[in-house]
C-alpha atoms as a PDB file:
ATOM      1  CA  MET A   1      24.351  16.058   5.295  1.00  0.00           C
ATOM      2  CA  LYS A   2      25.719  16.031   2.071  1.00  0.00           C
ATOM      3  CA  LYS A   3      24.494  18.738  -0.126  1.00  0.00           C
ATOM      4  CA  ASP A   4      22.588  17.851  -3.627  1.00  0.00           C
ATOM      5  CA  ILE A   5      22.291  14.249  -3.329  1.00  0.00           C
ATOM      6  CA  HIS A   6      18.740  14.119  -1.874  1.00  0.00           C
ATOM      7  CA  PRO A   7      15.783  14.114  -3.755  1.00  0.00           C
ATOM      8  CA  GLU A   8      14.144  17.494  -4.091  1.00  0.00           C
ATOM      9  CA  ASN A   9      10.512  15.827  -4.468  1.00  0.00           C
ATOM     10  CA  TYR A  10      10.833  14.102  -0.640  1.00  0.00           C
ATOM     11  CA  ARG A  11       7.523  15.290   1.258  1.00  0.00           C
ATOM     12  CA  MET A  12       5.056  13.712   3.698  1.00  0.00           C
ATOM     13  CA  VAL A  13       2.430  11.571   2.118  1.00  0.00           C
ATOM     14  CA  ILE A  14      -0.594   9.647   3.104  1.00  0.00           C
ATOM     15  CA  PHE A  15      -0.580   6.127   2.398  1.00  0.00           C
ATOM     16  CA  HIS A  16      -4.459   4.462   2.654  1.00  0.00           C
ATOM     17  CA  ASP A  17      -4.860   0.763   2.939  1.00  0.00           C
ATOM     18  CA  ASN A  18      -7.373  -0.202   0.632  1.00  0.00           C
ATOM     19  CA  SER A  19      -8.228  -3.692   2.544  1.00  0.00           C
ATOM     20  CA  SER A  20      -8.030  -2.363   6.432  1.00  0.00           C
ATOM     21  CA  GLY A  21      -8.930   1.300   5.820  1.00  0.00           C
ATOM     22  CA  GLU A  22      -5.997   2.460   7.855  1.00  0.00           C
ATOM     23  CA  ARG A  23      -3.972   5.546   6.887  1.00  0.00           C
ATOM     24  CA  ILE A  24      -0.342   6.267   7.581  1.00  0.00           C
ATOM     25  CA  LEU A  25       1.516   9.459   6.996  1.00  0.00           C
ATOM     26  CA  VAL A  26       5.057   9.284   6.147  1.00  0.00           C
ATOM     27  CA  GLY A  27       7.950  11.016   4.257  1.00  0.00           C
ATOM     28  CA  SER A  28       8.184   9.729   0.312  1.00  0.00           C
ATOM     29  CA  THR A  29       9.154  10.329  -2.944  1.00  0.00           C
ATOM     30  CA  VAL A  30       6.304   8.426  -4.585  1.00  0.00           C
ATOM     31  CA  GLU A  31       4.298  10.237  -7.244  1.00  0.00           C
ATOM     32  CA  THR A  32       0.815  10.724  -7.206  1.00  0.00           C
ATOM     33  CA  THR A  33      -1.871  13.322  -7.941  1.00  0.00           C
ATOM     34  CA  GLU A  34      -4.788  12.417  -5.256  1.00  0.00           C
ATOM     35  CA  THR A  35      -4.512  14.784  -2.401  1.00  0.00           C
ATOM     36  CA  ASP A  36      -6.319  14.638   1.347  1.00  0.00           C
ATOM     37  CA  LYS A  37      -6.738  15.935   4.170  1.00  0.00           C
ATOM     38  CA  TRP A  38      -4.564  14.606   7.510  1.00  0.00           C
ATOM     39  CA  THR A  39      -6.090  14.631  11.144  1.00  0.00           C
ATOM     40  CA  ASP A  40      -4.307  18.016  11.374  1.00  0.00           C
ATOM     41  CA  GLY A  41      -6.512  19.612   8.922  1.00  0.00           C
ATOM     42  CA  THR A  42      -2.965  19.811   6.304  1.00  0.00           C
ATOM     43  CA  GLU A  43      -3.509  18.711   3.086  1.00  0.00           C
ATOM     44  CA  TYR A  44      -0.930  15.782   1.825  1.00  0.00           C
ATOM     45  CA  PRO A  45      -0.616  13.542  -1.527  1.00  0.00           C
ATOM     46  CA  LEU A  46      -2.378  10.404  -1.286  1.00  0.00           C
ATOM     47  CA  VAL A  47      -1.321   7.079  -2.311  1.00  0.00           C
ATOM     48  CA  LYS A  48      -4.006   4.096  -2.207  1.00  0.00           C
ATOM     49  CA  VAL A  49      -2.170   1.007  -1.525  1.00  0.00           C
ATOM     50  CA  ASP A  50      -3.700  -2.884  -1.416  1.00  0.00           C
ATOM     51  CA  VAL A  51      -1.254  -4.114   1.691  1.00  0.00           C
ATOM     52  CA  THR A  52       0.491  -2.201   4.369  1.00  0.00           C
ATOM     53  CA  SER A  53       1.466  -3.561   8.263  1.00  0.00           C
ATOM     54  CA  ALA A  54      -2.071  -2.701   9.381  1.00  0.00           C
ATOM     55  CA  SER A  55      -3.280  -5.512   6.973  1.00  0.00           C
ATOM     56  CA  HIS A  56      -0.448  -7.638   6.172  1.00  0.00           C
ATOM     57  CA  PRO A  57      -0.766 -11.289   7.767  1.00  0.00           C
ATOM     58  CA  PHE A  58       2.560 -11.308   9.146  1.00  0.00           C
ATOM     59  CA  TYR A  59       2.033  -8.122  11.116  1.00  0.00           C
ATOM     60  CA  THR A  60      -1.404  -8.595  12.265  1.00  0.00           C
ATOM     61  CA  GLY A  61      -1.067 -12.362  13.042  1.00  0.00           C
ATOM     62  CA  GLN A  62      -4.504 -13.066  11.237  1.00  0.00           C
ATOM     63  CA  GLU A  63      -4.483 -15.368   8.119  1.00  0.00           C
ATOM     64  CA  LYS A  64      -6.286 -14.005   5.337  1.00  0.00           C
ATOM     65  CA  VAL A  65      -6.256 -14.178   1.194  1.00  0.00           C
ATOM     66  CA  MET A  66      -5.683 -10.847  -0.300  1.00  0.00           C
ATOM     67  CA  ASP A  67      -6.113 -11.570  -3.897  1.00  0.00           C
ATOM     68  CA  THR A  68      -6.953  -8.472  -5.714  1.00  0.00           C
ATOM     69  CA  ALA A  69      -5.855  -9.746  -9.058  1.00  0.00           C
ATOM     70  CA  GLY A  70      -7.598 -13.318  -9.252  1.00  0.00           C
ATOM     71  CA  ARG A  71      -4.120 -14.723  -8.879  1.00  0.00           C
ATOM     72  CA  VAL A  72      -5.378 -17.680  -6.353  1.00  0.00           C
ATOM     73  CA  ASP A  73      -8.218 -18.599  -8.555  1.00  0.00           C
ATOM     74  CA  ARG A  74      -5.794 -18.815 -11.834  1.00  0.00           C
ATOM     75  CA  PHE A  75      -3.152 -20.896  -9.929  1.00  0.00           C
ATOM     76  CA  LYS A  76      -6.096 -23.499  -8.706  1.00  0.00           C
ATOM     77  CA  GLN A  77      -7.057 -23.685 -12.037  1.00  0.00           C
ATOM     78  CA  ARG A  78      -3.917 -24.758 -13.064  1.00  0.00           C
ATOM     79  CA  ALA A  79      -2.958 -26.860 -10.321  1.00  0.00           C
ATOM     80  CA  ALA A  80      -6.312 -28.880 -11.154  1.00  0.00           C
ATOM     81  CA  LYS A  81      -5.137 -29.295 -14.936  1.00  0.00           C
ATOM     82  CA  ALA A  82      -2.222 -30.618 -13.477  1.00  0.00           C
ATOM     83  CA  LYS A  83      -3.536 -33.303 -11.408  1.00  0.00           C
ATOM     84  CA  LYS A  84      -5.714 -34.596 -14.117  1.00  0.00           C
END
């Protein structure tokens, strides 16, 4: 590998899926202030996300609405106004 081209803050990070509760340990450069312990007892940085492959309908094959910001309701309201 070439020297001095890779990020210095690359490390293992726990990604916690808020919708399924699944936790994934992968390498990342994402910035976070939270930490948590992995199954091996080692403490890693923690990032909480709304969607991962453990909860996304494409990967799970289960259709469900994941609307944490109210976007679906706002869209339905705009569509109802447009019909009038």
